[in-house]
Amino acid sequence: MRRRNEHQKSLPAASLHVVLALLDGELHGYAVMQRVGELSDGAVKMGPGTLYGTLNRLVDDGLVVETTDRVDRDESERRRYYELSASGRSVALVELSRLRTLVDRVTRTLDGGAMA
């Protein structure tokens, strides 16, 4: 399992969307796709290949854990469930703060008239 360096660059876009979608708690894969769409107001549409490739990388990096077998589920249910690890939650909150700072700075710049 690879561990994320605290000073590593920001997450790639797909990973960012997934960790932000999982901030509310455990979701199955399709629900992660839906949540990404909701959070982006439909601007980001994540297909299954991108989603599961991203989830696998995030699991390998220790930011997300698969929780499918942690809770008894209906045997006919084939969904895989995921949630943020403690370090994943921390990274998601750092990324959220970074994005807020970026938006605040751009907004101040625009409000100051420096950019048209």
PDB file of N, CA and C in Angstrom:
ATOM      1  N   MET A   1       0.840  -1.174   0.000  1.00  0.00           N
ATOM      2  CA  MET A   1       0.000   0.000   0.000  1.00  0.00           C
ATOM      3  C   MET A   1       0.885   1.237   0.000  1.00  0.00           C
ATOM      4  N   ARG A   2       0.654   2.106  -0.945  1.00  0.00           N
ATOM      5  CA  ARG A   2       1.399   3.364  -1.007  1.00  0.00           C
ATOM      6  C   ARG A   2       0.758   4.357  -0.045  1.00  0.00           C
ATOM      7  N   ARG A   3       1.567   5.152   0.579  1.00  0.00           N
ATOM      8  CA  ARG A   3       1.065   6.196   1.482  1.00  0.00           C
ATOM      9  C   ARG A   3       1.321   7.554   0.860  1.00  0.00           C
ATOM     10  N   ARG A   4       0.393   8.425   1.044  1.00  0.00           N
ATOM     11  CA  ARG A   4       0.473   9.772   0.507  1.00  0.00           C
ATOM     12  C   ARG A   4       1.389  10.625   1.362  1.00  0.00           C
ATOM     13  N   ASN A   5       2.320  11.296   0.725  1.00  0.00           N
ATOM     14  CA  ASN A   5       3.197  12.236   1.410  1.00  0.00           C
ATOM     15  C   ASN A   5       2.389  13.483   1.757  1.00  0.00           C
ATOM     16  N   GLU A   6       2.536  13.970   2.967  1.00  0.00           N
ATOM     17  CA  GLU A   6       1.772  15.136   3.418  1.00  0.00           C
ATOM     18  C   GLU A   6       1.984  16.355   2.522  1.00  0.00           C
ATOM     19  N   HIS A   7       3.149  16.461   1.881  1.00  0.00           N
ATOM     20  CA  HIS A   7       3.451  17.634   1.063  1.00  0.00           C
ATOM     21  C   HIS A   7       3.253  17.352  -0.428  1.00  0.00           C
ATOM     22  N   GLN A   8       2.579  16.272  -0.731  1.00  0.00           N
ATOM     23  CA  GLN A   8       2.352  15.894  -2.123  1.00  0.00           C
ATOM     24  C   GLN A   8       1.436  16.915  -2.803  1.00  0.00           C
ATOM     25  N   LYS A   9       1.541  16.970  -4.121  1.00  0.00           N
ATOM     26  CA  LYS A   9       0.694  17.865  -4.903  1.00  0.00           C
ATOM     27  C   LYS A   9      -0.776  17.543  -4.658  1.00  0.00           C
ATOM     28  N   SER A  10      -1.627  18.450  -5.087  1.00  0.00           N
ATOM     29  CA  SER A  10      -3.057  18.239  -4.939  1.00  0.00           C
ATOM     30  C   SER A  10      -3.497  17.009  -5.725  1.00  0.00           C
ATOM     31  N   LEU A  11      -4.647  16.480  -5.359  1.00  0.00           N
ATOM     32  CA  LEU A  11      -5.173  15.277  -6.005  1.00  0.00           C
ATOM     33  C   LEU A  11      -5.554  15.545  -7.463  1.00  0.00           C
ATOM     34  N   PRO A  12      -5.432  14.529  -8.317  1.00  0.00           N
ATOM     35  CA  PRO A  12      -5.972  14.658  -9.678  1.00  0.00           C
ATOM     36  C   PRO A  12      -7.490  14.872  -9.607  1.00  0.00           C
ATOM     37  N   ALA A  13      -8.047  15.440 -10.646  1.00  0.00           N
ATOM     38  CA  ALA A  13      -9.464  15.825 -10.641  1.00  0.00           C
ATOM     39  C   ALA A  13     -10.395  14.673 -10.272  1.00  0.00           C
ATOM     40  N   ALA A  14     -10.234  13.512 -10.881  1.00  0.00           N
ATOM     41  CA  ALA A  14     -11.143  12.396 -10.592  1.00  0.00           C
ATOM     42  C   ALA A  14     -11.044  11.982  -9.124  1.00  0.00           C
ATOM     43  N   SER A  15      -9.823  11.914  -8.603  1.00  0.00           N
ATOM     44  CA  SER A  15      -9.639  11.549  -7.193  1.00  0.00           C
ATOM     45  C   SER A  15     -10.246  12.595  -6.276  1.00  0.00           C
ATOM     46  N   LEU A  16     -10.078  13.847  -6.621  1.00  0.00           N
ATOM     47  CA  LEU A  16     -10.648  14.934  -5.837  1.00  0.00           C
ATOM     48  C   LEU A  16     -12.170  14.793  -5.754  1.00  0.00           C
ATOM     49  N   HIS A  17     -12.794  14.560  -6.882  1.00  0.00           N
ATOM     50  CA  HIS A  17     -14.249  14.420  -6.899  1.00  0.00           C
ATOM     51  C   HIS A  17     -14.706  13.231  -6.053  1.00  0.00           C
ATOM     52  N   VAL A  18     -13.981  12.134  -6.118  1.00  0.00           N
ATOM     53  CA  VAL A  18     -14.367  10.945  -5.353  1.00  0.00           C
ATOM     54  C   VAL A  18     -14.216  11.182  -3.856  1.00  0.00           C
ATOM     55  N   VAL A  19     -13.083  11.742  -3.416  1.00  0.00           N
ATOM     56  CA  VAL A  19     -12.916  11.946  -1.969  1.00  0.00           C
ATOM     57  C   VAL A  19     -13.918  12.971  -1.435  1.00  0.00           C
ATOM     58  N   LEU A  20     -14.234  13.973  -2.216  1.00  0.00           N
ATOM     59  CA  LEU A  20     -15.250  14.928  -1.774  1.00  0.00           C
ATOM     60  C   LEU A  20     -16.627  14.273  -1.705  1.00  0.00           C
ATOM     61  N   ALA A  21     -16.926  13.390  -2.648  1.00  0.00           N
ATOM     62  CA  ALA A  21     -18.208  12.683  -2.633  1.00  0.00           C
ATOM     63  C   ALA A  21     -18.328  11.774  -1.412  1.00  0.00           C
ATOM     64  N   LEU A  22     -17.204  11.240  -0.943  1.00  0.00           N
ATOM     65  CA  LEU A  22     -17.218  10.325   0.200  1.00  0.00           C
ATOM     66  C   LEU A  22     -17.139  11.036   1.551  1.00  0.00           C
ATOM     67  N   LEU A  23     -17.053  12.348   1.570  1.00  0.00           N
ATOM     68  CA  LEU A  23     -16.998  13.070   2.840  1.00  0.00           C
ATOM     69  C   LEU A  23     -18.239  12.824   3.693  1.00  0.00           C
ATOM     70  N   ASP A  24     -19.383  12.598   3.054  1.00  0.00           N
ATOM     71  CA  ASP A  24     -20.625  12.361   3.803  1.00  0.00           C
ATOM     72  C   ASP A  24     -20.691  10.972   4.422  1.00  0.00           C
ATOM     73  N   GLY A  25     -19.811  10.064   3.998  1.00  0.00           N
ATOM     74  CA  GLY A  25     -19.817   8.713   4.560  1.00  0.00           C
ATOM     75  C   GLY A  25     -19.815   7.642   3.483  1.00  0.00           C
ATOM     76  N   GLU A  26     -20.018   6.419   3.906  1.00  0.00           N
ATOM     77  CA  GLU A  26     -19.940   5.243   3.045  1.00  0.00           C
ATOM     78  C   GLU A  26     -20.956   5.302   1.904  1.00  0.00           C
ATOM     79  N   LEU A  27     -20.485   4.937   0.712  1.00  0.00           N
ATOM     80  CA  LEU A  27     -21.344   4.866  -0.472  1.00  0.00           C
ATOM     81  C   LEU A  27     -20.925   3.679  -1.322  1.00  0.00           C
ATOM     82  N   HIS A  28     -21.867   3.130  -2.086  1.00  0.00           N
ATOM     83  CA  HIS A  28     -21.487   2.128  -3.080  1.00  0.00           C
ATOM     84  C   HIS A  28     -21.080   2.860  -4.349  1.00  0.00           C
ATOM     85  N   GLY A  29     -20.406   2.150  -5.249  1.00  0.00           N
ATOM     86  CA  GLY A  29     -19.808   2.764  -6.425  1.00  0.00           C
ATOM     87  C   GLY A  29     -20.755   3.628  -7.233  1.00  0.00           C
ATOM     88  N   TYR A  30     -21.934   3.109  -7.563  1.00  0.00           N
ATOM     89  CA  TYR A  30     -22.876   3.879  -8.370  1.00  0.00           C
ATOM     90  C   TYR A  30     -23.307   5.144  -7.632  1.00  0.00           C
ATOM     91  N   ALA A  31     -23.478   5.045  -6.313  1.00  0.00           N
ATOM     92  CA  ALA A  31     -23.850   6.220  -5.531  1.00  0.00           C
ATOM     93  C   ALA A  31     -22.729   7.264  -5.531  1.00  0.00           C
ATOM     94  N   VAL A  32     -21.470   6.821  -5.584  1.00  0.00           N
ATOM     95  CA  VAL A  32     -20.353   7.765  -5.694  1.00  0.00           C
ATOM     96  C   VAL A  32     -20.479   8.524  -7.011  1.00  0.00           C
ATOM     97  N   MET A  33     -20.758   7.805  -8.096  1.00  0.00           N
ATOM     98  CA  MET A  33     -20.932   8.471  -9.401  1.00  0.00           C
ATOM     99  C   MET A  33     -22.055   9.505  -9.326  1.00  0.00           C
ATOM    100  N   GLN A  34     -23.177   9.130  -8.708  1.00  0.00           N
ATOM    101  CA  GLN A  34     -24.306  10.049  -8.584  1.00  0.00           C
ATOM    102  C   GLN A  34     -23.938  11.264  -7.733  1.00  0.00           C
ATOM    103  N   ARG A  35     -23.235  11.029  -6.637  1.00  0.00           N
ATOM    104  CA  ARG A  35     -22.852  12.124  -5.734  1.00  0.00           C
ATOM    105  C   ARG A  35     -21.894  13.090  -6.421  1.00  0.00           C
ATOM    106  N   VAL A  36     -20.963  12.575  -7.206  1.00  0.00           N
ATOM    107  CA  VAL A  36     -20.058  13.436  -7.976  1.00  0.00           C
ATOM    108  C   VAL A  36     -20.882  14.331  -8.904  1.00  0.00           C
ATOM    109  N   GLY A  37     -21.871  13.754  -9.567  1.00  0.00           N
ATOM    110  CA  GLY A  37     -22.746  14.538 -10.440  1.00  0.00           C
ATOM    111  C   GLY A  37     -23.504  15.611  -9.680  1.00  0.00           C
ATOM    112  N   GLU A  38     -24.012  15.248  -8.494  1.00  0.00           N
ATOM    113  CA  GLU A  38     -24.742  16.223  -7.674  1.00  0.00           C
ATOM    114  C   GLU A  38     -23.833  17.362  -7.230  1.00  0.00           C
ATOM    115  N   LEU A  39     -22.651  17.026  -6.716  1.00  0.00           N
ATOM    116  CA  LEU A  39     -21.742  18.047  -6.208  1.00  0.00           C
ATOM    117  C   LEU A  39     -21.252  18.984  -7.306  1.00  0.00           C
ATOM    118  N   SER A  40     -21.161  18.466  -8.521  1.00  0.00           N
ATOM    119  CA  SER A  40     -20.677  19.292  -9.636  1.00  0.00           C
ATOM    120  C   SER A  40     -21.833  19.909 -10.417  1.00  0.00           C
ATOM    121  N   ASP A  41     -23.043  19.747  -9.912  1.00  0.00           N
ATOM    122  CA  ASP A  41     -24.245  20.256 -10.590  1.00  0.00           C
ATOM    123  C   ASP A  41     -24.323  19.715 -12.013  1.00  0.00           C
ATOM    124  N   GLY A  42     -23.928  18.459 -12.168  1.00  0.00           N
ATOM    125  CA  GLY A  42     -24.015  17.783 -13.456  1.00  0.00           C
ATOM    126  C   GLY A  42     -22.849  18.038 -14.396  1.00  0.00           C
ATOM    127  N   ALA A  43     -21.903  18.870 -13.993  1.00  0.00           N
ATOM    128  CA  ALA A  43     -20.779  19.203 -14.875  1.00  0.00           C
ATOM    129  C   ALA A  43     -19.794  18.046 -15.019  1.00  0.00           C
ATOM    130  N   VAL A  44     -19.698  17.203 -14.005  1.00  0.00           N
ATOM    131  CA  VAL A  44     -18.764  16.074 -14.047  1.00  0.00           C
ATOM    132  C   VAL A  44     -19.579  14.789 -14.108  1.00  0.00           C
ATOM    133  N   LYS A  45     -19.351  14.039 -15.181  1.00  0.00           N
ATOM    134  CA  LYS A  45     -19.995  12.737 -15.348  1.00  0.00           C
ATOM    135  C   LYS A  45     -18.892  11.694 -15.353  1.00  0.00           C
ATOM    136  N   MET A  46     -18.853  10.898 -14.317  1.00  0.00           N
ATOM    137  CA  MET A  46     -17.792   9.920 -14.153  1.00  0.00           C
ATOM    138  C   MET A  46     -18.319   8.554 -14.581  1.00  0.00           C
ATOM    139  N   GLY A  47     -17.669   7.946 -15.563  1.00  0.00           N
ATOM    140  CA  GLY A  47     -18.058   6.616 -16.009  1.00  0.00           C
ATOM    141  C   GLY A  47     -17.488   5.541 -15.102  1.00  0.00           C
ATOM    142  N   PRO A  48     -17.974   4.303 -15.254  1.00  0.00           N
ATOM    143  CA  PRO A  48     -17.519   3.208 -14.392  1.00  0.00           C
ATOM    144  C   PRO A  48     -16.017   2.956 -14.464  1.00  0.00           C
ATOM    145  N   GLY A  49     -15.414   3.039 -15.646  1.00  0.00           N
ATOM    146  CA  GLY A  49     -13.977   2.794 -15.773  1.00  0.00           C
ATOM    147  C   GLY A  49     -13.163   3.803 -14.988  1.00  0.00           C
ATOM    148  N   THR A  50     -13.517   5.070 -15.126  1.00  0.00           N
ATOM    149  CA  THR A  50     -12.823   6.126 -14.388  1.00  0.00           C
ATOM    150  C   THR A  50     -13.069   5.979 -12.895  1.00  0.00           C
ATOM    151  N   LEU A  51     -14.329   5.725 -12.524  1.00  0.00           N
ATOM    152  CA  LEU A  51     -14.664   5.609 -11.108  1.00  0.00           C
ATOM    153  C   LEU A  51     -13.883   4.484 -10.437  1.00  0.00           C
ATOM    154  N   TYR A  52     -13.969   3.283 -10.992  1.00  0.00           N
ATOM    155  CA  TYR A  52     -13.348   2.141 -10.310  1.00  0.00           C
ATOM    156  C   TYR A  52     -11.825   2.171 -10.414  1.00  0.00           C
ATOM    157  N   GLY A  53     -11.280   2.715 -11.485  1.00  0.00           N
ATOM    158  CA  GLY A  53      -9.835   2.906 -11.559  1.00  0.00           C
ATOM    159  C   GLY A  53      -9.375   3.891 -10.491  1.00  0.00           C
ATOM    160  N   THR A  54     -10.138   4.964 -10.323  1.00  0.00           N
ATOM    161  CA  THR A  54      -9.823   5.970  -9.306  1.00  0.00           C
ATOM    162  C   THR A  54      -9.966   5.387  -7.910  1.00  0.00           C
ATOM    163  N   LEU A  55     -11.065   4.674  -7.664  1.00  0.00           N
ATOM    164  CA  LEU A  55     -11.264   4.057  -6.344  1.00  0.00           C
ATOM    165  C   LEU A  55     -10.129   3.080  -6.019  1.00  0.00           C
ATOM    166  N   ASN A  56      -9.728   2.279  -6.996  1.00  0.00           N
ATOM    167  CA  ASN A  56      -8.633   1.328  -6.759  1.00  0.00           C
ATOM    168  C   ASN A  56      -7.337   2.051  -6.399  1.00  0.00           C
ATOM    169  N   ARG A  57      -7.033   3.144  -7.090  1.00  0.00           N
ATOM    170  CA  ARG A  57      -5.830   3.921  -6.767  1.00  0.00           C
ATOM    171  C   ARG A  57      -5.927   4.526  -5.366  1.00  0.00           C
ATOM    172  N   LEU A  58      -7.106   5.047  -5.029  1.00  0.00           N
ATOM    173  CA  LEU A  58      -7.294   5.644  -3.710  1.00  0.00           C
ATOM    174  C   LEU A  58      -7.194   4.596  -2.602  1.00  0.00           C
ATOM    175  N   VAL A  59      -7.689   3.391  -2.873  1.00  0.00           N
ATOM    176  CA  VAL A  59      -7.532   2.286  -1.909  1.00  0.00           C
ATOM    177  C   VAL A  59      -6.053   1.949  -1.764  1.00  0.00           C
ATOM    178  N   ASP A  60      -5.344   1.820  -2.889  1.00  0.00           N
ATOM    179  CA  ASP A  60      -3.897   1.522  -2.856  1.00  0.00           C
ATOM    180  C   ASP A  60      -3.122   2.591  -2.085  1.00  0.00           C
ATOM    181  N   ASP A  61      -3.559   3.847  -2.205  1.00  0.00           N
ATOM    182  CA  ASP A  61      -2.887   4.955  -1.528  1.00  0.00           C
ATOM    183  C   ASP A  61      -3.288   5.081  -0.060  1.00  0.00           C
ATOM    184  N   GLY A  62      -4.252   4.269   0.375  1.00  0.00           N
ATOM    185  CA  GLY A  62      -4.684   4.305   1.768  1.00  0.00           C
ATOM    186  C   GLY A  62      -5.654   5.426   2.101  1.00  0.00           C
ATOM    187  N   LEU A  63      -6.214   6.077   1.079  1.00  0.00           N
ATOM    188  CA  LEU A  63      -7.145   7.180   1.314  1.00  0.00           C
ATOM    189  C   LEU A  63      -8.593   6.708   1.404  1.00  0.00           C
ATOM    190  N   VAL A  64      -8.890   5.580   0.788  1.00  0.00           N
ATOM    191  CA  VAL A  64     -10.236   4.999   0.783  1.00  0.00           C
ATOM    192  C   VAL A  64     -10.117   3.547   1.191  1.00  0.00           C
ATOM    193  N   VAL A  65     -11.131   3.055   1.912  1.00  0.00           N
ATOM    194  CA  VAL A  65     -11.189   1.635   2.263  1.00  0.00           C
ATOM    195  C   VAL A  65     -12.481   1.048   1.701  1.00  0.00           C
ATOM    196  N   GLU A  66     -12.369  -0.186   1.222  1.00  0.00           N
ATOM    197  CA  GLU A  66     -13.571  -0.884   0.781  1.00  0.00           C
ATOM    198  C   GLU A  66     -14.217  -1.489   2.015  1.00  0.00           C
ATOM    199  N   THR A  67     -15.509  -1.230   2.188  1.00  0.00           N
ATOM    200  CA  THR A  67     -16.218  -1.663   3.388  1.00  0.00           C
ATOM    201  C   THR A  67     -17.284  -2.711   3.094  1.00  0.00           C
ATOM    202  N   THR A  68     -17.282  -3.248   1.888  1.00  0.00           N
ATOM    203  CA  THR A  68     -18.316  -4.172   1.441  1.00  0.00           C
ATOM    204  C   THR A  68     -18.562  -5.296   2.444  1.00  0.00           C
ATOM    205  N   ASP A  69     -17.514  -5.927   2.939  1.00  0.00           N
ATOM    206  CA  ASP A  69     -17.663  -7.091   3.806  1.00  0.00           C
ATOM    207  C   ASP A  69     -17.743  -6.738   5.285  1.00  0.00           C
ATOM    208  N   ARG A  70     -17.659  -5.481   5.623  1.00  0.00           N
ATOM    209  CA  ARG A  70     -17.671  -5.080   7.025  1.00  0.00           C
ATOM    210  C   ARG A  70     -19.057  -5.195   7.648  1.00  0.00           C
ATOM    211  N   VAL A  71     -20.086  -5.021   6.838  1.00  0.00           N
ATOM    212  CA  VAL A  71     -21.472  -5.046   7.315  1.00  0.00           C
ATOM    213  C   VAL A  71     -22.211  -6.160   6.588  1.00  0.00           C
ATOM    214  N   ASP A  72     -23.056  -6.910   7.331  1.00  0.00           N
ATOM    215  CA  ASP A  72     -23.870  -7.934   6.669  1.00  0.00           C
ATOM    216  C   ASP A  72     -24.806  -7.267   5.679  1.00  0.00           C
ATOM    217  N   ARG A  73     -24.819  -7.808   4.478  1.00  0.00           N
ATOM    218  CA  ARG A  73     -25.670  -7.269   3.415  1.00  0.00           C
ATOM    219  C   ARG A  73     -26.439  -8.420   2.788  1.00  0.00           C
ATOM    220  N   ASP A  74     -27.487  -8.078   2.091  1.00  0.00           N
ATOM    221  CA  ASP A  74     -28.279  -9.075   1.370  1.00  0.00           C
ATOM    222  C   ASP A  74     -27.359  -9.838   0.420  1.00  0.00           C
ATOM    223  N   GLU A  75     -27.431 -11.163   0.438  1.00  0.00           N
ATOM    224  CA  GLU A  75     -26.534 -11.975  -0.400  1.00  0.00           C
ATOM    225  C   GLU A  75     -26.691 -11.707  -1.883  1.00  0.00           C
ATOM    226  N   SER A  76     -27.855 -11.222  -2.297  1.00  0.00           N
ATOM    227  CA  SER A  76     -28.062 -10.938  -3.722  1.00  0.00           C
ATOM    228  C   SER A  76     -27.439  -9.590  -4.124  1.00  0.00           C
ATOM    229  N   GLU A  77     -27.047  -8.791  -3.142  1.00  0.00           N
ATOM    230  CA  GLU A  77     -26.475  -7.486  -3.439  1.00  0.00           C
ATOM    231  C   GLU A  77     -25.025  -7.638  -3.882  1.00  0.00           C
ATOM    232  N   ARG A  78     -24.706  -7.102  -5.050  1.00  0.00           N
ATOM    233  CA  ARG A  78     -23.352  -7.214  -5.603  1.00  0.00           C
ATOM    234  C   ARG A  78     -22.584  -5.906  -5.506  1.00  0.00           C
ATOM    235  N   ARG A  79     -23.156  -4.923  -4.875  1.00  0.00           N
ATOM    236  CA  ARG A  79     -22.510  -3.617  -4.798  1.00  0.00           C
ATOM    237  C   ARG A  79     -21.266  -3.663  -3.924  1.00  0.00           C
ATOM    238  N   ARG A  80     -20.306  -2.825  -4.285  1.00  0.00           N
ATOM    239  CA  ARG A  80     -19.096  -2.653  -3.483  1.00  0.00           C
ATOM    240  C   ARG A  80     -19.199  -1.297  -2.796  1.00  0.00           C
ATOM    241  N   TYR A  81     -18.909  -1.266  -1.501  1.00  0.00           N
ATOM    242  CA  TYR A  81     -19.032  -0.060  -0.698  1.00  0.00           C
ATOM    243  C   TYR A  81     -17.659   0.479  -0.317  1.00  0.00           C
ATOM    244  N   TYR A  82     -17.592   1.809  -0.199  1.00  0.00           N
ATOM    245  CA  TYR A  82     -16.333   2.495   0.076  1.00  0.00           C
ATOM    246  C   TYR A  82     -16.565   3.632   1.069  1.00  0.00           C
ATOM    247  N   GLU A  83     -15.499   3.941   1.826  1.00  0.00           N
ATOM    248  CA  GLU A  83     -15.516   5.134   2.658  1.00  0.00           C
ATOM    249  C   GLU A  83     -14.092   5.653   2.792  1.00  0.00           C
ATOM    250  N   LEU A  84     -13.985   6.888   3.225  1.00  0.00           N
ATOM    251  CA  LEU A  84     -12.666   7.483   3.428  1.00  0.00           C
ATOM    252  C   LEU A  84     -12.002   6.871   4.655  1.00  0.00           C
ATOM    253  N   SER A  85     -10.713   6.653   4.566  1.00  0.00           N
ATOM    254  CA  SER A  85      -9.927   6.299   5.747  1.00  0.00           C
ATOM    255  C   SER A  85      -9.716   7.595   6.534  1.00  0.00           C
ATOM    256  N   ALA A  86      -9.111   7.491   7.707  1.00  0.00           N
ATOM    257  CA  ALA A  86      -8.822   8.703   8.492  1.00  0.00           C
ATOM    258  C   ALA A  86      -7.919   9.641   7.696  1.00  0.00           C
ATOM    259  N   SER A  87      -6.883   9.080   7.049  1.00  0.00           N
ATOM    260  CA  SER A  87      -5.994   9.942   6.261  1.00  0.00           C
ATOM    261  C   SER A  87      -6.707  10.464   5.019  1.00  0.00           C
ATOM    262  N   GLY A  88      -7.609   9.681   4.447  1.00  0.00           N
ATOM    263  CA  GLY A  88      -8.388  10.136   3.297  1.00  0.00           C
ATOM    264  C   GLY A  88      -9.291  11.296   3.645  1.00  0.00           C
ATOM    265  N   ARG A  89      -9.900  11.216   4.823  1.00  0.00           N
ATOM    266  CA  ARG A  89     -10.755  12.326   5.276  1.00  0.00           C
ATOM    267  C   ARG A  89      -9.918  13.585   5.474  1.00  0.00           C
ATOM    268  N   SER A  90      -8.740  13.424   6.048  1.00  0.00           N
ATOM    269  CA  SER A  90      -7.844  14.554   6.251  1.00  0.00           C
ATOM    270  C   SER A  90      -7.445  15.177   4.916  1.00  0.00           C
ATOM    271  N   VAL A  91      -7.080  14.342   3.951  1.00  0.00           N
ATOM    272  CA  VAL A  91      -6.705  14.835   2.620  1.00  0.00           C
ATOM    273  C   VAL A  91      -7.886  15.537   1.966  1.00  0.00           C
ATOM    274  N   ALA A  92      -9.082  14.969   2.081  1.00  0.00           N
ATOM    275  CA  ALA A  92     -10.273  15.581   1.481  1.00  0.00           C
ATOM    276  C   ALA A  92     -10.522  16.961   2.079  1.00  0.00           C
ATOM    277  N   LEU A  93     -10.365  17.090   3.391  1.00  0.00           N
ATOM    278  CA  LEU A  93     -10.593  18.383   4.038  1.00  0.00           C
ATOM    279  C   LEU A  93      -9.520  19.400   3.658  1.00  0.00           C
ATOM    280  N   VAL A  94      -8.273  18.950   3.499  1.00  0.00           N
ATOM    281  CA  VAL A  94      -7.198  19.838   3.034  1.00  0.00           C
ATOM    282  C   VAL A  94      -7.504  20.308   1.616  1.00  0.00           C
ATOM    283  N   GLU A  95      -7.938  19.388   0.759  1.00  0.00           N
ATOM    284  CA  GLU A  95      -8.274  19.754  -0.625  1.00  0.00           C
ATOM    285  C   GLU A  95      -9.446  20.732  -0.661  1.00  0.00           C
ATOM    286  N   LEU A  96     -10.445  20.507   0.175  1.00  0.00           N
ATOM    287  CA  LEU A  96     -11.594  21.409   0.244  1.00  0.00           C
ATOM    288  C   LEU A  96     -11.149  22.806   0.678  1.00  0.00           C
ATOM    289  N   SER A  97     -10.280  22.877   1.665  1.00  0.00           N
ATOM    290  CA  SER A  97      -9.746  24.162   2.121  1.00  0.00           C
ATOM    291  C   SER A  97      -8.952  24.845   1.016  1.00  0.00           C
ATOM    292  N   ARG A  98      -8.140  24.068   0.290  1.00  0.00           N
ATOM    293  CA  ARG A  98      -7.354  24.607  -0.812  1.00  0.00           C
ATOM    294  C   ARG A  98      -8.271  25.205  -1.879  1.00  0.00           C
ATOM    295  N   LEU A  99      -9.358  24.509  -2.196  1.00  0.00           N
ATOM    296  CA  LEU A  99     -10.303  25.004  -3.200  1.00  0.00           C
ATOM    297  C   LEU A  99     -11.016  26.265  -2.723  1.00  0.00           C
ATOM    298  N   ARG A 100     -11.400  26.290  -1.448  1.00  0.00           N
ATOM    299  CA  ARG A 100     -12.045  27.489  -0.898  1.00  0.00           C
ATOM    300  C   ARG A 100     -11.099  28.694  -0.994  1.00  0.00           C
ATOM    301  N   THR A 101      -9.834  28.480  -0.648  1.00  0.00           N
ATOM    302  CA  THR A 101      -8.845  29.550  -0.715  1.00  0.00           C
ATOM    303  C   THR A 101      -8.695  30.052  -2.141  1.00  0.00           C
ATOM    304  N   LEU A 102      -8.624  29.124  -3.096  1.00  0.00           N
ATOM    305  CA  LEU A 102      -8.511  29.503  -4.500  1.00  0.00           C
ATOM    306  C   LEU A 102      -9.700  30.349  -4.938  1.00  0.00           C
ATOM    307  N   VAL A 103     -10.904  29.901  -4.616  1.00  0.00           N
ATOM    308  CA  VAL A 103     -12.113  30.635  -5.003  1.00  0.00           C
ATOM    309  C   VAL A 103     -12.131  32.006  -4.334  1.00  0.00           C
ATOM    310  N   ASP A 104     -11.769  32.072  -3.053  1.00  0.00           N
ATOM    311  CA  ASP A 104     -11.732  33.365  -2.349  1.00  0.00           C
ATOM    312  C   ASP A 104     -10.756  34.329  -3.007  1.00  0.00           C
ATOM    313  N   ARG A 105      -9.575  33.832  -3.363  1.00  0.00           N
ATOM    314  CA  ARG A 105      -8.566  34.704  -3.984  1.00  0.00           C
ATOM    315  C   ARG A 105      -9.028  35.208  -5.350  1.00  0.00           C
ATOM    316  N   VAL A 106      -9.593  34.326  -6.136  1.00  0.00           N
ATOM    317  CA  VAL A 106     -10.078  34.730  -7.454  1.00  0.00           C
ATOM    318  C   VAL A 106     -11.226  35.723  -7.312  1.00  0.00           C
ATOM    319  N   THR A 107     -12.112  35.459  -6.367  1.00  0.00           N
ATOM    320  CA  THR A 107     -13.244  36.372  -6.147  1.00  0.00           C
ATOM    321  C   THR A 107     -12.756  37.752  -5.737  1.00  0.00           C
ATOM    322  N   ARG A 108     -11.788  37.806  -4.820  1.00  0.00           N
ATOM    323  CA  ARG A 108     -11.225  39.105  -4.405  1.00  0.00           C
ATOM    324  C   ARG A 108     -10.572  39.820  -5.586  1.00  0.00           C
ATOM    325  N   THR A 109      -9.865  39.073  -6.415  1.00  0.00           N
ATOM    326  CA  THR A 109      -9.218  39.662  -7.583  1.00  0.00           C
ATOM    327  C   THR A 109     -10.262  40.245  -8.531  1.00  0.00           C
ATOM    328  N   LEU A 110     -11.305  39.474  -8.771  1.00  0.00           N
ATOM    329  CA  LEU A 110     -12.358  39.949  -9.677  1.00  0.00           C
ATOM    330  C   LEU A 110     -13.092  41.136  -9.090  1.00  0.00           C
ATOM    331  N   ASP A 111     -13.364  41.092  -7.787  1.00  0.00           N
ATOM    332  CA  ASP A 111     -14.055  42.199  -7.126  1.00  0.00           C
ATOM    333  C   ASP A 111     -13.193  43.447  -7.118  1.00  0.00           C
ATOM    334  N   GLY A 112     -11.867  43.283  -7.124  1.00  0.00           N
ATOM    335  CA  GLY A 112     -10.946  44.417  -7.122  1.00  0.00           C
ATOM    336  C   GLY A 112     -10.786  45.044  -8.490  1.00  0.00           C
ATOM    337  N   GLY A 113     -11.340  44.423  -9.511  1.00  0.00           N
ATOM    338  CA  GLY A 113     -11.291  44.978 -10.854  1.00  0.00           C
ATOM    339  C   GLY A 113     -10.022  44.672 -11.620  1.00  0.00           C
ATOM    340  N   ALA A 114      -9.137  43.877 -11.040  1.00  0.00           N
ATOM    341  CA  ALA A 114      -7.879  43.582 -11.743  1.00  0.00           C
ATOM    342  C   ALA A 114      -8.096  42.693 -12.946  1.00  0.00           C
ATOM    343  N   MET A 115      -9.149  41.903 -12.911  1.00  0.00           N
ATOM    344  CA  MET A 115      -9.444  41.007 -14.044  1.00  0.00           C
ATOM    345  C   MET A 115     -10.816  41.347 -14.579  1.00  0.00           C
ATOM    346  N   ALA A 116     -10.986  41.285 -15.868  1.00  0.00           N
ATOM    347  CA  ALA A 116     -12.288  41.580 -16.455  1.00  0.00           C
ATOM    348  C   ALA A 116     -12.936  40.342 -16.964  1.00  0.00           C
TER     349      ALA A 116
END
